């Protein structure tokens, strides 16, 4: 089965121009020859044109096609030397070496380079046989000139091979770096999208658990009050009062959810200000007695500040929902290396061995791990709960601990 023919344009324009300059130089010699001999060297010019056109496209198919392409190039140059252009066309072997770098791997390039050098030596030998002068002194000068030409050609093909390889390697590295940069951008976008989805899911679950429950209970209380209004107005008022309380609770949950959704737009505020505002909202909305001892946190990195804020927010939400606590103490201290946070309540606590960590606790642990910090949970039935967080300001430590 014949492999399909695939061609690509020359990837480096300046190398193609270099090839054309070399071909034009040989063409100028053909013009001089035509001027002196009063004849047009059609075959010479045809070889140069064919080599120039072949440089416009390079085969990109199977190895056989690439070998055939290279063989045609060498054959054209060799045919030109057979016609008598021994001292002109052999320099065009440099073009074959350059193009081989685009066609073959390292071994193939060296094979082509070695073959080209052998052919050049053969052409030089033929040229010596044809043009060797008879005078001994002239023979010495001619031999030295021929040896110098051979050495220069050998150095030239080696330089061309190394230069083209270096250019190709740098281009491949730039392409890999561009691909890696694009992949990193895609990964960063995916991470951001996943973080956004996770946060939205958490807020949706909070709204479902708190606001949904409050509205459902409110609906039941209102329906019961309507049924009892005519027969037992006093009892109906009790249900209405309870419904009013549930309505306030629902409004508080709505405010907390909106505050959470808008918090990212307020990151320009200091951490201590944001936490004080959060605590104040919880005091007003829940009636909890919350004592705070917060030091100035101006030097805290933004990721760490966001983590600390979210942990305080999640801890207060869990205390309000599950702990049945009446008092909460929040301590936040920062140094030039560390951020220390403790949130402690006097609620009912729980047994960590019998009760797996809920969604809120897992979320806090994950947030601390994300900034390479330490998370400790101390609790037992009837003795409240204490959360301790320690985060290095340079994000050097990484550990998650749980103590009972």
Protein backbone atom coordinates (compact mmCIF):
# COMPACT_ATOMS: atom_id res chain seq x y z
CA UNK A 1 0.00 0.00 0.00
CA UNK A 2 1.40 3.39 -1.06
CA UNK A 3 1.54 5.85 1.88
CA UNK A 4 -0.41 9.08 1.42
CA UNK A 5 1.48 12.16 0.30
CA UNK A 6 1.55 14.87 2.93
CA UNK A 7 3.45 18.15 2.57
CA UNK A 8 3.92 21.15 4.86
CA UNK A 9 5.36 24.60 4.10
CA UNK A 10 8.88 25.36 5.24
CA UNK A 11 8.49 26.36 8.92
CA UNK A 12 11.35 28.89 8.93
CA UNK A 13 11.18 31.66 6.39
CA UNK A 14 14.70 32.94 7.00
CA UNK A 15 16.19 29.49 6.31
CA UNK A 16 14.24 29.34 3.06
CA UNK A 17 15.61 32.76 2.13
CA UNK A 18 19.12 31.51 2.96
CA UNK A 19 18.63 28.60 0.58
CA UNK A 20 17.45 30.94 -2.16
CA UNK A 21 20.49 33.18 -1.66
CA UNK A 22 22.77 30.17 -2.14
CA UNK A 23 20.84 29.13 -5.24
CA UNK A 24 20.94 32.67 -6.58
CA UNK A 25 24.72 32.72 -6.09
CA UNK A 26 25.09 29.60 -8.17
CA UNK A 27 22.66 31.08 -10.70
CA UNK A 28 24.82 34.19 -11.02
CA UNK A 29 27.77 31.98 -11.93
CA UNK A 30 25.57 30.35 -14.56
CA UNK A 31 24.82 33.80 -15.97
CA UNK A 32 28.56 34.58 -16.16
CA UNK A 33 29.12 31.27 -17.89
CA UNK A 34 26.34 32.03 -20.37
CA UNK A 35 27.85 35.48 -21.05
CA UNK A 36 31.29 34.06 -21.75
CA UNK A 37 30.17 31.06 -23.78
CA UNK A 38 27.36 32.81 -25.62
CA UNK A 39 24.98 30.03 -24.58
CA UNK A 40 22.30 29.53 -21.95
CA UNK A 41 23.01 26.64 -19.51
CA UNK A 42 19.43 25.38 -19.44
CA UNK A 43 20.18 22.24 -17.44
CA UNK A 44 22.13 24.19 -14.81
CA UNK A 45 19.31 26.71 -14.36
CA UNK A 46 16.66 23.94 -14.32
CA UNK A 47 18.47 22.19 -11.47
CA UNK A 48 18.63 25.41 -9.46
CA UNK A 49 14.93 26.19 -10.06
CA UNK A 50 13.90 22.64 -9.12
CA UNK A 51 15.87 22.80 -5.86
CA UNK A 52 14.36 26.20 -5.05
CA UNK A 53 10.80 25.03 -5.65
CA UNK A 54 11.35 21.89 -3.56
CA UNK A 55 12.22 24.12 -0.60
CA UNK A 56 8.73 25.63 -0.57
CA UNK A 57 7.16 22.43 0.73
CA UNK A 58 8.55 19.59 2.82
CA UNK A 59 7.12 16.05 3.03
CA UNK A 60 5.32 15.21 6.23
CA UNK A 61 4.28 11.64 5.44
CA UNK A 62 6.04 8.35 5.94
CA UNK A 63 9.78 7.82 6.14
CA UNK A 64 9.85 6.42 2.60
CA UNK A 65 8.51 9.67 1.15
CA UNK A 66 11.09 11.67 3.08
CA UNK A 67 13.90 9.43 1.85
CA UNK A 68 12.68 9.75 -1.75
CA UNK A 69 12.50 13.54 -1.37
CA UNK A 70 16.08 13.70 -0.08
CA UNK A 71 17.29 11.31 -2.78
CA UNK A 72 15.79 13.56 -5.47
CA UNK A 73 17.63 16.58 -4.03
CA UNK A 74 20.94 14.72 -3.92
CA UNK A 75 20.31 13.30 -7.38
CA UNK A 76 19.75 16.75 -8.89
CA UNK A 77 22.99 18.09 -7.42
CA UNK A 78 24.93 14.98 -8.40
CA UNK A 79 23.54 15.19 -11.95
CA UNK A 80 24.71 18.80 -12.10
CA UNK A 81 28.22 17.79 -11.12
CA UNK A 82 28.19 15.07 -13.79
CA UNK A 83 27.36 17.75 -16.34
CA UNK A 84 30.56 19.53 -15.41
CA UNK A 85 29.63 22.00 -12.69
CA UNK A 86 32.02 20.39 -10.22
CA UNK A 87 33.17 23.56 -8.54
CA UNK A 88 29.75 25.20 -8.19
CA UNK A 89 26.97 22.78 -7.31
CA UNK A 90 28.63 20.73 -4.51
CA UNK A 91 28.14 23.67 -2.11
CA UNK A 92 24.38 23.15 -2.51
CA UNK A 93 24.71 20.00 -0.44
CA UNK A 94 24.41 22.38 2.52
CA UNK A 95 20.76 22.88 1.54
CA UNK A 96 20.21 19.11 1.71
CA UNK A 97 21.67 19.05 5.23
CA UNK A 98 19.40 21.90 6.38
CA UNK A 99 16.27 20.28 5.00
CA UNK A 100 17.18 16.89 6.47
CA UNK A 101 16.87 18.44 9.94
CA UNK A 102 13.16 19.00 9.26
CA UNK A 103 12.63 15.51 7.85
CA UNK A 104 14.57 13.06 10.03
CA UNK A 105 15.49 12.33 13.61
CA UNK A 106 19.04 12.73 14.89
CA UNK A 107 20.38 9.47 13.37
CA UNK A 108 18.86 10.22 9.97
CA UNK A 109 20.37 13.71 9.97
CA UNK A 110 23.86 12.38 10.64
CA UNK A 111 23.46 9.77 7.92
CA UNK A 112 22.48 12.43 5.37
CA UNK A 113 25.36 14.65 6.53
CA UNK A 114 27.89 11.82 6.19
CA UNK A 115 26.57 10.88 2.74
CA UNK A 116 26.74 14.50 1.60
CA UNK A 117 30.34 14.82 2.77
CA UNK A 118 31.34 11.63 0.96
CA UNK A 119 29.73 12.89 -2.26
CA UNK A 120 31.53 16.21 -1.85
CA UNK A 121 34.85 14.37 -1.49
CA UNK A 122 34.06 12.48 -4.68
CA UNK A 123 33.31 15.70 -6.52
CA UNK A 124 36.54 17.21 -5.22
CA UNK A 125 38.48 14.20 -6.46
CA UNK A 126 36.94 14.57 -9.91
CA UNK A 127 37.69 18.28 -9.88
CA UNK A 128 41.33 17.61 -8.97
CA UNK A 129 41.65 15.15 -11.85
CA UNK A 130 40.21 17.68 -14.28
CA UNK A 131 41.85 20.91 -13.12
CA UNK A 132 45.17 19.80 -11.60
CA UNK A 133 47.96 21.97 -13.09
CA UNK A 134 51.17 20.46 -14.49
CA UNK A 135 53.70 22.70 -12.73
CA UNK A 136 54.84 21.28 -9.33
CA UNK A 137 54.61 24.61 -7.56
CA UNK A 138 51.12 25.22 -8.90
CA UNK A 139 50.14 21.70 -7.87
CA UNK A 140 51.18 22.47 -4.28
CA UNK A 141 49.08 25.65 -4.20
CA UNK A 142 46.19 23.85 -5.86
CA UNK A 143 46.37 21.00 -3.33
CA UNK A 144 46.46 23.38 -0.37
CA UNK A 145 43.52 25.27 -1.84
CA UNK A 146 41.56 22.03 -2.31
CA UNK A 147 42.29 20.85 1.23
CA UNK A 148 41.20 24.22 2.59
CA UNK A 149 37.97 24.00 0.61
CA UNK A 150 37.31 20.52 1.94
CA UNK A 151 37.91 21.59 5.56
CA UNK A 152 35.73 24.67 5.14
CA UNK A 153 32.94 22.57 3.64
CA UNK A 154 33.19 20.01 6.47
CA UNK A 155 33.01 22.76 9.09
CA UNK A 156 30.15 24.40 7.18
CA UNK A 157 27.94 21.30 7.10
CA UNK A 158 28.66 20.65 10.79
CA UNK A 159 27.80 24.26 11.65
CA UNK A 160 24.63 24.17 9.53
CA UNK A 161 23.57 20.88 11.15
CA UNK A 162 24.10 22.18 14.69
CA UNK A 163 22.51 25.55 13.99
CA UNK A 164 19.39 24.05 12.43
CA UNK A 165 19.09 21.52 15.25
CA UNK A 166 19.33 24.31 17.81
CA UNK A 167 16.69 26.35 16.02
CA UNK A 168 14.36 23.37 15.86
CA UNK A 169 14.95 22.54 19.53
CA UNK A 170 14.20 26.11 20.62
CA UNK A 171 11.03 26.14 18.53
CA UNK A 172 9.89 22.84 20.03
CA UNK A 173 10.59 24.14 23.54
CA UNK A 174 8.61 27.32 22.87
CA UNK A 175 5.75 25.22 21.52
CA UNK A 176 5.82 22.98 24.59
CA UNK A 177 5.89 26.02 26.88
CA UNK A 178 2.97 27.54 25.00
CA UNK A 179 1.01 24.29 25.28
CA UNK A 180 1.86 23.99 28.98
CA UNK A 181 0.81 27.60 29.56
CA UNK A 182 -2.48 26.97 27.79
CA UNK A 183 -3.07 23.82 29.83
CA UNK A 184 -2.30 25.68 33.06
CA UNK A 185 -4.80 28.36 32.10
CA UNK A 186 -7.40 25.69 31.42
CA UNK A 187 -6.64 23.94 34.72
CA UNK A 188 -6.81 27.25 36.61
CA UNK A 189 -10.17 28.01 35.01
CA UNK A 190 -11.46 24.54 35.89
CA UNK A 191 -10.27 24.90 39.49
CA UNK A 192 -11.98 28.27 39.75
CA UNK A 193 -15.18 26.86 38.30
CA UNK A 194 -15.08 23.87 40.66
CA UNK A 195 -14.48 26.14 43.66
CA UNK A 196 -17.40 28.32 42.59
CA UNK A 197 -19.67 25.30 42.16
CA UNK A 198 -18.61 23.90 45.53
CA UNK A 199 -19.34 27.19 47.28
CA UNK A 200 -22.70 27.50 45.57
CA UNK A 201 -23.58 23.95 46.54
CA UNK A 202 -22.71 24.70 50.15
CA UNK A 203 -24.86 27.85 50.15
CA UNK A 204 -27.68 25.97 48.44
CA UNK A 205 -27.53 23.28 51.09
CA UNK A 206 -27.58 25.87 53.86
CA UNK A 207 -30.58 27.59 52.29
CA UNK A 208 -32.35 24.26 51.89
CA UNK A 209 -31.64 23.15 55.46
CA UNK A 210 -32.41 26.44 57.22
CA UNK A 211 -34.55 28.70 55.07
CA UNK A 212 -36.50 25.82 53.53
CA UNK A 213 -37.28 24.36 56.93
CA UNK A 214 -38.30 27.76 58.31
CA UNK A 215 -40.61 28.51 55.39
CA UNK A 216 -42.19 25.07 55.55
CA UNK A 217 -42.88 25.48 59.26
CA UNK A 218 -44.17 28.99 58.64
CA UNK A 219 -46.63 27.67 56.06
CA UNK A 220 -47.89 25.02 58.47
CA UNK A 221 -48.33 27.57 61.27
CA UNK A 222 -50.24 29.93 58.99
CA UNK A 223 -52.53 27.17 57.73
CA UNK A 224 -53.26 26.05 61.29
CA UNK A 225 -53.96 29.63 62.39
CA UNK A 226 -56.46 30.10 59.54
CA UNK A 227 -58.32 26.95 60.55
CA UNK A 228 -58.48 27.95 64.24
CA UNK A 229 -59.18 31.65 63.78
CA UNK A 230 -62.99 31.45 63.98
CA UNK A 231 -63.31 28.65 66.59
CA UNK A 232 -60.34 29.32 68.92
CA UNK A 233 -58.87 32.81 68.30
CA UNK A 234 -56.54 32.64 71.30
CA UNK A 235 -54.88 29.47 70.10
CA UNK A 236 -54.73 30.88 66.57
CA UNK A 237 -52.83 33.91 67.91
CA UNK A 238 -50.27 31.55 69.39
CA UNK A 239 -49.71 29.96 65.98
CA UNK A 240 -49.49 33.42 64.39
CA UNK A 241 -46.87 34.50 66.92
CA UNK A 242 -44.88 31.37 66.15
CA UNK A 243 -45.27 32.07 62.43
CA UNK A 244 -43.97 35.60 62.98
CA UNK A 245 -40.93 34.21 64.78
CA UNK A 246 -40.32 31.77 61.93
CA UNK A 247 -40.61 34.64 59.46
CA UNK A 248 -37.88 36.53 61.29
CA UNK A 249 -35.73 33.43 61.29
CA UNK A 250 -36.22 33.04 57.54
CA UNK A 251 -35.23 36.68 56.98
CA UNK A 252 -32.08 36.17 59.04
CA UNK A 253 -31.16 33.16 56.93
CA UNK A 254 -31.72 35.16 53.76
CA UNK A 255 -29.47 37.96 55.02
CA UNK A 256 -26.72 35.50 55.94
CA UNK A 257 -26.89 33.81 52.51
CA UNK A 258 -26.76 37.17 50.72
CA UNK A 259 -23.87 38.26 52.92
CA UNK A 260 -21.99 35.09 51.98
CA UNK A 261 -22.63 35.57 48.28
CA UNK A 262 -21.45 39.19 48.38
CA UNK A 263 -18.46 38.64 50.62
CA UNK A 264 -15.95 38.24 47.80
CA UNK A 265 -16.75 41.78 46.68
CA UNK A 266 -15.72 43.12 50.09
CA UNK A 267 -12.23 41.66 50.27
CA UNK A 268 -10.70 45.11 50.45
CA UNK A 269 -11.78 45.39 54.14
CA UNK A 270 -9.35 44.21 56.85
CA UNK A 271 -9.91 40.74 58.22
CA UNK A 272 -10.67 41.94 61.76
CA UNK A 273 -13.34 44.34 60.43
CA UNK A 274 -15.01 41.60 58.41
CA UNK A 275 -15.06 39.20 61.35
CA UNK A 276 -16.45 41.85 63.72
CA UNK A 277 -19.22 42.60 61.21
CA UNK A 278 -19.96 38.89 60.85
CA UNK A 279 -20.09 38.43 64.63
CA UNK A 280 -22.35 41.46 65.03
CA UNK A 281 -24.79 40.06 62.48
CA UNK A 282 -24.88 36.73 64.30
CA UNK A 283 -25.47 38.44 67.63
CA UNK A 284 -28.45 40.33 66.25
CA UNK A 285 -29.86 37.41 64.33
CA UNK A 286 -29.40 34.56 66.80
CA UNK A 287 -29.14 36.10 70.26
CA UNK A 288 -25.88 34.27 70.96
CA UNK A 289 -23.43 35.84 73.37
CA UNK A 290 -20.23 36.09 71.33
CA UNK A 291 -17.01 37.41 72.86
CA UNK A 292 -14.13 38.29 70.54
CA UNK A 293 -10.45 38.95 71.06
CA UNK A 294 -9.05 39.88 67.67
CA UNK A 295 -5.67 41.44 66.98
CA UNK A 296 -4.88 43.57 63.96
CA UNK A 297 -4.49 41.40 60.85
CA UNK A 298 -3.18 43.77 58.18
CA UNK A 299 -0.22 41.58 57.14
CA UNK A 300 -2.25 38.39 56.60
CA UNK A 301 -2.11 37.14 52.97
CA UNK A 302 -5.42 37.28 51.12
CA UNK A 303 -5.85 33.46 50.75
CA UNK A 304 -5.21 32.99 54.47
CA UNK A 305 -7.57 35.85 55.38
CA UNK A 306 -10.36 34.33 53.26
CA UNK A 307 -9.79 30.95 54.86
CA UNK A 308 -9.95 32.35 58.40
CA UNK A 309 -13.11 34.30 57.62
CA UNK A 310 -14.86 31.28 56.12
CA UNK A 311 -13.90 29.10 59.08
CA UNK A 312 -15.36 31.62 61.55
CA UNK A 313 -18.50 31.89 59.43
CA UNK A 314 -18.92 28.12 59.17
CA UNK A 315 -18.17 27.60 62.86
CA UNK A 316 -20.81 30.14 63.96
CA UNK A 317 -23.35 28.60 61.58
CA UNK A 318 -22.73 25.12 63.00
CA UNK A 319 -22.93 26.39 66.59
CA UNK A 320 -26.25 28.10 65.90
CA UNK A 321 -27.72 25.04 64.18
CA UNK A 322 -26.48 22.12 66.23
CA UNK A 323 -24.57 23.06 69.39
CA UNK A 324 -27.42 24.56 71.46
CA UNK A 325 -24.82 26.91 72.90
CA UNK A 326 -25.40 30.22 74.67
CA UNK A 327 -21.85 31.58 74.64
CA UNK A 328 -19.10 31.63 72.01
CA UNK A 329 -15.54 32.87 72.31
CA UNK A 330 -13.44 33.81 69.28
CA UNK A 331 -9.71 34.51 69.56
CA UNK A 332 -7.64 35.60 66.56
CA UNK A 333 -3.95 36.43 66.91
CA UNK A 334 -1.35 37.10 64.23
CA UNK A 335 2.44 37.28 64.30
CA UNK A 336 4.97 37.87 61.53
CA UNK A 337 4.95 34.09 60.85
CA UNK A 338 1.71 32.61 62.17
CA UNK A 339 -2.05 33.11 62.31
CA UNK A 340 -3.82 31.55 65.31
CA UNK A 341 -7.61 31.14 65.49
CA UNK A 342 -9.77 29.49 68.15
CA UNK A 343 -13.56 29.26 68.20
CA UNK A 344 -15.02 27.76 71.40
CA UNK A 345 -18.62 27.28 72.53
CA UNK A 346 -20.40 25.92 75.63
CA UNK A 347 -22.79 23.73 73.66
CA UNK A 348 -23.64 20.06 73.93
CA UNK A 349 -20.60 18.83 72.01
CA UNK A 350 -20.44 15.36 70.49
CA UNK A 351 -18.40 12.17 70.41
CA UNK A 352 -16.06 12.16 67.42
CA UNK A 353 -15.65 8.40 67.60
CA UNK A 354 -19.36 7.78 67.21
CA UNK A 355 -20.25 10.66 64.88
CA UNK A 356 -18.41 11.29 61.65
CA UNK A 357 -17.51 14.85 60.75
CA UNK A 358 -20.32 16.67 59.01
CA UNK A 359 -20.19 18.73 55.85
CA UNK A 360 -19.28 21.91 57.72
CA UNK A 361 -16.33 20.39 59.59
CA UNK A 362 -15.02 18.69 56.48
CA UNK A 363 -15.27 22.00 54.64
CA UNK A 364 -13.24 23.76 57.34
CA UNK A 365 -10.58 21.04 57.27
CA UNK A 366 -10.35 21.25 53.49
CA UNK A 367 -9.96 25.02 53.60
CA UNK A 368 -7.13 24.79 56.13
CA UNK A 369 -5.38 22.06 54.14
CA UNK A 370 -5.64 24.23 51.00
CA UNK A 371 -3.41 26.87 52.66
CA UNK A 372 -1.11 24.26 54.28
CA UNK A 373 -2.28 24.90 57.84
CA UNK A 374 -3.13 22.83 60.93
CA UNK A 375 -6.69 22.07 62.07
CA UNK A 376 -7.58 20.71 65.53
CA UNK A 377 -10.99 19.78 66.89
CA UNK A 378 -11.50 19.24 70.64
CA UNK A 379 -14.95 18.13 71.78
CA UNK A 380 -16.79 15.64 73.93
CA UNK A 381 -20.46 15.18 74.92
CA UNK A 382 -21.67 17.91 77.28
CA UNK A 383 -18.40 19.87 77.21
CA UNK A 384 -18.80 22.07 74.19
CA UNK A 385 -16.54 22.25 71.18
CA UNK A 386 -13.22 23.99 70.51
CA UNK A 387 -11.75 24.57 67.04
CA UNK A 388 -8.07 25.52 66.75
CA UNK A 389 -6.48 26.66 63.51
CA UNK A 390 -2.84 27.50 62.97
CA UNK A 391 -1.63 28.73 59.56
CA UNK A 392 1.88 29.76 58.59
CA UNK A 393 1.90 33.13 56.87
CA UNK A 394 4.41 31.73 54.35
CA UNK A 395 2.38 28.54 53.86
CA UNK A 396 5.29 26.26 54.81
CA UNK A 397 3.56 23.82 57.19
CA UNK A 398 0.99 21.26 56.22
CA UNK A 399 -0.81 19.08 58.70
CA UNK A 400 -4.34 18.21 59.74
CA UNK A 401 -4.87 16.96 63.31
CA UNK A 402 -7.95 15.94 65.27
CA UNK A 403 -7.95 15.57 69.02
CA UNK A 404 -10.74 14.53 71.36
